[in-house]
């Protein structure tokens, strides 16, 4: 027989890897106030919706990094605190934000050529 114990916690810290091409580009304006856009996450095969209210500036910065390095050259992780949502069947990802890491180039690969500011490009 398997012993079971129950521990009540206020939430869970989660990290969700996302593909760059899955993220909407028009969620925040390129200039001006970025606001707090909302992303709804759905787990495949489950009816649960996870609502993540994110910092618009963080989202804009993440998109800029993807544009500079290319979607295949970055690893994107959405992080936050998973808590019960305000309506049944939903969860909320509080303090949600993106972490973007640029992958190290593979051996023999040429690094991307980026324009140098003030170089007329």
Foldseek 3Di string as FASTA:
>chain_A
DDDDDDDDDQWAKDKAKDQPVVDDPVQADLDDQRAFGWDWDDDPPAQAIEIETHHRVLVNVQVVVCVQQPRVFKIKIWIATWHPDPDPRYIYGPPIGIDIDGHDDDPPDDGDDDDDPPPPD
